[in-house]
PDB file of N, CA and C in Angstrom:
ATOM      1  N   MET A   1       0.283  -1.847   0.205  1.00  0.00           N
ATOM      2  CA  MET A   1       0.185  -0.019  -0.205  1.00  0.00           C
ATOM      3  C   MET A   1       1.094   0.441   0.288  1.00  0.00           C
ATOM      4  N   ALA A   2       2.012   1.270   0.628  1.00  0.00           N
ATOM      5  CA  ALA A   2       2.169   2.642   0.658  1.00  0.00           C
ATOM      6  C   ALA A   2       3.507   2.647  -0.389  1.00  0.00           C
ATOM      7  N   ARG A   3       3.783   1.567  -0.833  1.00  0.00           N
ATOM      8  CA  ARG A   3       5.095   1.216  -1.705  1.00  0.00           C
ATOM      9  C   ARG A   3       4.187   1.891  -3.477  1.00  0.00           C
ATOM     10  N   ALA A   4       2.765   1.757  -3.143  1.00  0.00           N
ATOM     11  CA  ALA A   4       1.077   2.250  -3.962  1.00  0.00           C
ATOM     12  C   ALA A   4       1.732   3.795  -4.540  1.00  0.00           C
ATOM     13  N   GLN A   5       1.464   4.232  -3.295  1.00  0.00           N
ATOM     14  CA  GLN A   5       1.240   5.811  -3.262  1.00  0.00           C
ATOM     15  C   GLN A   5       3.146   6.647  -3.678  1.00  0.00           C
ATOM     16  N   GLY A   6       4.446   5.856  -3.570  1.00  0.00           N
ATOM     17  CA  GLY A   6       5.353   5.811  -3.940  1.00  0.00           C
ATOM     18  C   GLY A   6       6.059   6.699  -2.575  1.00  0.00           C
ATOM     19  N   ILE A   7       5.859   5.969  -1.240  1.00  0.00           N
ATOM     20  CA  ILE A   7       6.465   6.135   0.633  1.00  0.00           C
ATOM     21  C   ILE A   7       6.429   4.650   1.203  1.00  0.00           C
ATOM     22  N   SER A   8       7.888   4.922   1.124  1.00  0.00           N
ATOM     23  CA  SER A   8       7.691   3.987   1.915  1.00  0.00           C
ATOM     24  C   SER A   8       7.455   2.874   3.368  1.00  0.00           C
ATOM     25  N   PRO A   9       7.173   1.496   3.350  1.00  0.00           N
ATOM     26  CA  PRO A   9       6.443   1.639   4.240  1.00  0.00           C
ATOM     27  C   PRO A   9       7.122   1.954   5.777  1.00  0.00           C
ATOM     28  N   ALA A  10       8.354   1.707   5.915  1.00  0.00           N
ATOM     29  CA  ALA A  10       8.682   2.655   7.124  1.00  0.00           C
ATOM     30  C   ALA A  10       8.428   4.118   7.236  1.00  0.00           C
ATOM     31  N   LEU A  11       8.179   4.718   6.347  1.00  0.00           N
ATOM     32  CA  LEU A  11       8.305   6.008   6.584  1.00  0.00           C
ATOM     33  C   LEU A  11       6.398   6.237   7.185  1.00  0.00           C
ATOM     34  N   LEU A  12       5.109   5.405   6.497  1.00  0.00           N
ATOM     35  CA  LEU A  12       4.083   5.237   6.970  1.00  0.00           C
ATOM     36  C   LEU A  12       3.247   4.598   8.172  1.00  0.00           C
ATOM     37  N   GLY A  13       5.142   3.593   8.803  1.00  0.00           N
ATOM     38  CA  GLY A  13       4.735   3.169   9.708  1.00  0.00           C
ATOM     39  C   GLY A  13       4.578   4.087  10.777  1.00  0.00           C
ATOM     40  N   ARG A  14       5.897   4.992  10.307  1.00  0.00           N
ATOM     41  CA  ARG A  14       5.866   5.746  11.531  1.00  0.00           C
ATOM     42  C   ARG A  14       4.932   7.346  11.577  1.00  0.00           C
ATOM     43  N   TRP A  15       4.395   7.571  10.838  1.00  0.00           N
ATOM     44  CA  TRP A  15       3.325   8.315  10.792  1.00  0.00           C
ATOM     45  C   TRP A  15       1.792   7.912  10.960  1.00  0.00           C
ATOM     46  N   LEU A  16       2.161   5.656  11.394  1.00  0.00           N
ATOM     47  CA  LEU A  16       0.782   5.885  12.054  1.00  0.00           C
ATOM     48  C   LEU A  16       1.400   6.140  13.907  1.00  0.00           C
ATOM     49  N   ARG A  17       2.185   6.030  14.021  1.00  0.00           N
ATOM     50  CA  ARG A  17       2.386   6.455  15.507  1.00  0.00           C
ATOM     51  C   ARG A  17       2.471   7.078  15.711  1.00  0.00           C
ATOM     52  N   GLN A  18       2.704   8.338  15.425  1.00  0.00           N
ATOM     53  CA  GLN A  18       2.443   9.743  15.281  1.00  0.00           C
ATOM     54  C   GLN A  18       0.715   9.975  15.355  1.00  0.00           C
ATOM     55  N   ALA A  19       0.528   9.652  14.857  1.00  0.00           N
ATOM     56  CA  ALA A  19      -1.000   9.473  14.383  1.00  0.00           C
ATOM     57  C   ALA A  19      -1.462   9.004  15.992  1.00  0.00           C
ATOM     58  N   LEU A  20      -1.286   7.305  16.535  1.00  0.00           N
ATOM     59  CA  LEU A  20      -1.965   6.866  16.744  1.00  0.00           C
ATOM     60  C   LEU A  20      -1.946   7.642  18.755  1.00  0.00           C
ATOM     61  N   GLU A  21      -0.357   8.360  18.710  1.00  0.00           N
ATOM     62  CA  GLU A  21       0.213   9.201  19.755  1.00  0.00           C
ATOM     63  C   GLU A  21      -0.418  10.084  20.075  1.00  0.00           C
ATOM     64  N   ALA A  22      -1.031  10.962  18.589  1.00  0.00           N
ATOM     65  CA  ALA A  22      -1.328  12.373  19.147  1.00  0.00           C
ATOM     66  C   ALA A  22      -3.294  11.494  19.344  1.00  0.00           C
ATOM     67  N   ALA A  23      -3.528  10.750  18.940  1.00  0.00           N
ATOM     68  CA  ALA A  23      -5.060  10.234  19.291  1.00  0.00           C
ATOM     69  C   ALA A  23      -5.328  10.011  20.421  1.00  0.00           C
ATOM     70  N   VAL A  24      -4.495   9.566  20.848  1.00  0.00           N
ATOM     71  CA  VAL A  24      -4.656   8.542  22.240  1.00  0.00           C
ATOM     72  C   VAL A  24      -3.847   8.884  23.826  1.00  0.00           C
ATOM     73  N   PRO A  25      -5.195   9.141  24.980  1.00  0.00           N
ATOM     74  CA  PRO A  25      -3.798   9.560  25.643  1.00  0.00           C
ATOM     75  C   PRO A  25      -3.615   9.096  26.358  1.00  0.00           C
ATOM     76  N   TYR A  26      -2.219   9.815  27.059  1.00  0.00           N
ATOM     77  CA  TYR A  26      -1.231   9.120  27.851  1.00  0.00           C
ATOM     78  C   TYR A  26      -2.355   7.817  29.331  1.00  0.00           C
ATOM     79  N   SER A  27      -1.263   7.650  30.087  1.00  0.00           N
ATOM     80  CA  SER A  27      -1.728   6.681  31.003  1.00  0.00           C
ATOM     81  C   SER A  27      -2.782   8.069  32.208  1.00  0.00           C
ATOM     82  N   THR A  28      -1.632   9.441  32.222  1.00  0.00           N
ATOM     83  CA  THR A  28      -2.636   9.888  33.365  1.00  0.00           C
ATOM     84  C   THR A  28      -3.357  10.486  33.135  1.00  0.00           C
ATOM     85  N   GLU A  29      -3.652  10.793  31.673  1.00  0.00           N
ATOM     86  CA  GLU A  29      -4.272  11.429  31.074  1.00  0.00           C
ATOM     87  C   GLU A  29      -5.842  10.883  31.034  1.00  0.00           C
ATOM     88  N   ARG A  30      -5.964   9.831  31.133  1.00  0.00           N
ATOM     89  CA  ARG A  30      -6.873   8.928  30.685  1.00  0.00           C
ATOM     90  C   ARG A  30      -7.914   7.721  32.784  1.00  0.00           C
ATOM     91  N   ASP A  31      -6.292   7.677  33.148  1.00  0.00           N
ATOM     92  CA  ASP A  31      -6.828   7.914  34.598  1.00  0.00           C
ATOM     93  C   ASP A  31      -7.864   9.442  35.313  1.00  0.00           C
ATOM     94  N   GLU A  32      -7.182  10.560  35.182  1.00  0.00           N
ATOM     95  CA  GLU A  32      -7.596  12.089  34.917  1.00  0.00           C
ATOM     96  C   GLU A  32      -8.736  12.200  34.787  1.00  0.00           C
ATOM     97  N   ILE A  33      -9.150  11.445  33.468  1.00  0.00           N
ATOM     98  CA  ILE A  33     -10.709  11.070  32.809  1.00  0.00           C
ATOM     99  C   ILE A  33     -11.161  10.295  33.586  1.00  0.00           C
ATOM    100  N   LYS A  34     -10.623   9.264  33.941  1.00  0.00           N
ATOM    101  CA  LYS A  34     -11.465   8.461  34.421  1.00  0.00           C
ATOM    102  C   LYS A  34     -11.937   8.534  36.170  1.00  0.00           C
ATOM    103  N   ARG A  35     -11.475   9.602  36.343  1.00  0.00           N
ATOM    104  CA  ARG A  35     -11.494   9.507  37.897  1.00  0.00           C
ATOM    105  C   ARG A  35     -12.445  11.392  37.557  1.00  0.00           C
ATOM    106  N   LEU A  36     -12.530  12.376  37.154  1.00  0.00           N
ATOM    107  CA  LEU A  36     -13.092  13.366  36.995  1.00  0.00           C
ATOM    108  C   LEU A  36     -15.103  12.876  36.312  1.00  0.00           C
ATOM    109  N   ARG A  37     -15.263  11.565  35.502  1.00  0.00           N
ATOM    110  CA  ARG A  37     -16.167  11.401  35.438  1.00  0.00           C
ATOM    111  C   ARG A  37     -16.983  10.589  36.401  1.00  0.00           C
ATOM    112  N   ALA A  38     -15.957  10.049  37.571  1.00  0.00           N
ATOM    113  CA  ALA A  38     -16.917   9.296  38.779  1.00  0.00           C
ATOM    114  C   ALA A  38     -17.120  10.826  39.285  1.00  0.00           C
ATOM    115  N   GLU A  39     -16.156  11.689  39.469  1.00  0.00           N
ATOM    116  CA  GLU A  39     -16.864  12.487  40.478  1.00  0.00           C
ATOM    117  C   GLU A  39     -17.566  13.212  40.150  1.00  0.00           C
ATOM    118  N   LEU A  40     -18.250  13.982  38.888  1.00  0.00           N
ATOM    119  CA  LEU A  40     -18.919  14.463  37.974  1.00  0.00           C
ATOM    120  C   LEU A  40     -20.296  13.260  38.493  1.00  0.00           C
ATOM    121  N   LYS A  41     -20.403  12.416  38.091  1.00  0.00           N
ATOM    122  CA  LYS A  41     -21.289  10.980  38.535  1.00  0.00           C
ATOM    123  C   LYS A  41     -21.952  11.294  39.429  1.00  0.00           C
ATOM    124  N   ARG A  42     -20.761  10.974  40.878  1.00  0.00           N
ATOM    125  CA  ARG A  42     -20.985  11.413  42.422  1.00  0.00           C
ATOM    126  C   ARG A  42     -21.817  12.995  42.350  1.00  0.00           C
ATOM    127  N   VAL A  43     -21.868  13.946  41.926  1.00  0.00           N
ATOM    128  CA  VAL A  43     -21.987  15.427  41.403  1.00  0.00           C
ATOM    129  C   VAL A  43     -23.457  14.944  41.342  1.00  0.00           C
ATOM    130  N   GLU A  44     -23.724  14.959  40.549  1.00  0.00           N
ATOM    131  CA  GLU A  44     -25.110  14.506  39.962  1.00  0.00           C
ATOM    132  C   GLU A  44     -26.358  13.702  40.845  1.00  0.00           C
ATOM    133  N   MET A  45     -26.087  12.749  40.746  1.00  0.00           N
ATOM    134  CA  MET A  45     -26.331  12.296  42.078  1.00  0.00           C
ATOM    135  C   MET A  45     -26.073  12.910  43.640  1.00  0.00           C
ATOM    136  N   GLU A  46     -26.335  13.669  44.144  1.00  0.00           N
ATOM    137  CA  GLU A  46     -26.554  14.226  44.961  1.00  0.00           C
ATOM    138  C   GLU A  46     -27.326  15.787  44.462  1.00  0.00           C
ATOM    139  N   ARG A  47     -26.373  16.073  43.313  1.00  0.00           N
ATOM    140  CA  ARG A  47     -27.734  17.622  42.818  1.00  0.00           C
ATOM    141  C   ARG A  47     -29.195  15.921  43.054  1.00  0.00           C
ATOM    142  N   ASP A  48     -29.249  15.286  42.449  1.00  0.00           N
ATOM    143  CA  ASP A  48     -30.235  14.563  42.247  1.00  0.00           C
ATOM    144  C   ASP A  48     -30.928  14.582  43.174  1.00  0.00           C
ATOM    145  N   ILE A  49     -29.954  14.255  44.235  1.00  0.00           N
ATOM    146  CA  ILE A  49     -30.688  13.501  45.337  1.00  0.00           C
ATOM    147  C   ILE A  49     -31.514  15.069  45.863  1.00  0.00           C
ATOM    148  N   SER A  50     -31.008  16.254  46.548  1.00  0.00           N
ATOM    149  CA  SER A  50     -31.568  17.512  46.702  1.00  0.00           C
ATOM    150  C   SER A  50     -32.731  17.727  46.198  1.00  0.00           C
ATOM    151  N   LYS A  51     -33.016  17.140  44.747  1.00  0.00           N
ATOM    152  CA  LYS A  51     -33.688  18.039  44.090  1.00  0.00           C
ATOM    153  C   LYS A  51     -34.898  17.834  44.820  1.00  0.00           C
ATOM    154  N   LYS A  52     -34.655  15.934  44.692  1.00  0.00           N
ATOM    155  CA  LYS A  52     -36.262  15.584  45.337  1.00  0.00           C
ATOM    156  C   LYS A  52     -36.086  15.883  46.650  1.00  0.00           C
ATOM    157  N   LEU A  53     -35.497  16.113  47.721  1.00  0.00           N
ATOM    158  CA  LEU A  53     -35.616  16.538  49.502  1.00  0.00           C
ATOM    159  C   LEU A  53     -36.345  18.370  49.202  1.00  0.00           C
TER     160      LEU A  53
END
């Protein structure tokens, strides 16, 4: 596929790795996102409970 486009397979592989690194958050970012989602869920539940009271 790469050769059909006139580029080396190694260059295509490097571009692919760079694109994946840019698209996928690092593990610390994933952990923070997970923590923030859990906190948001907790706060929304607290809000909903206080609305019912």
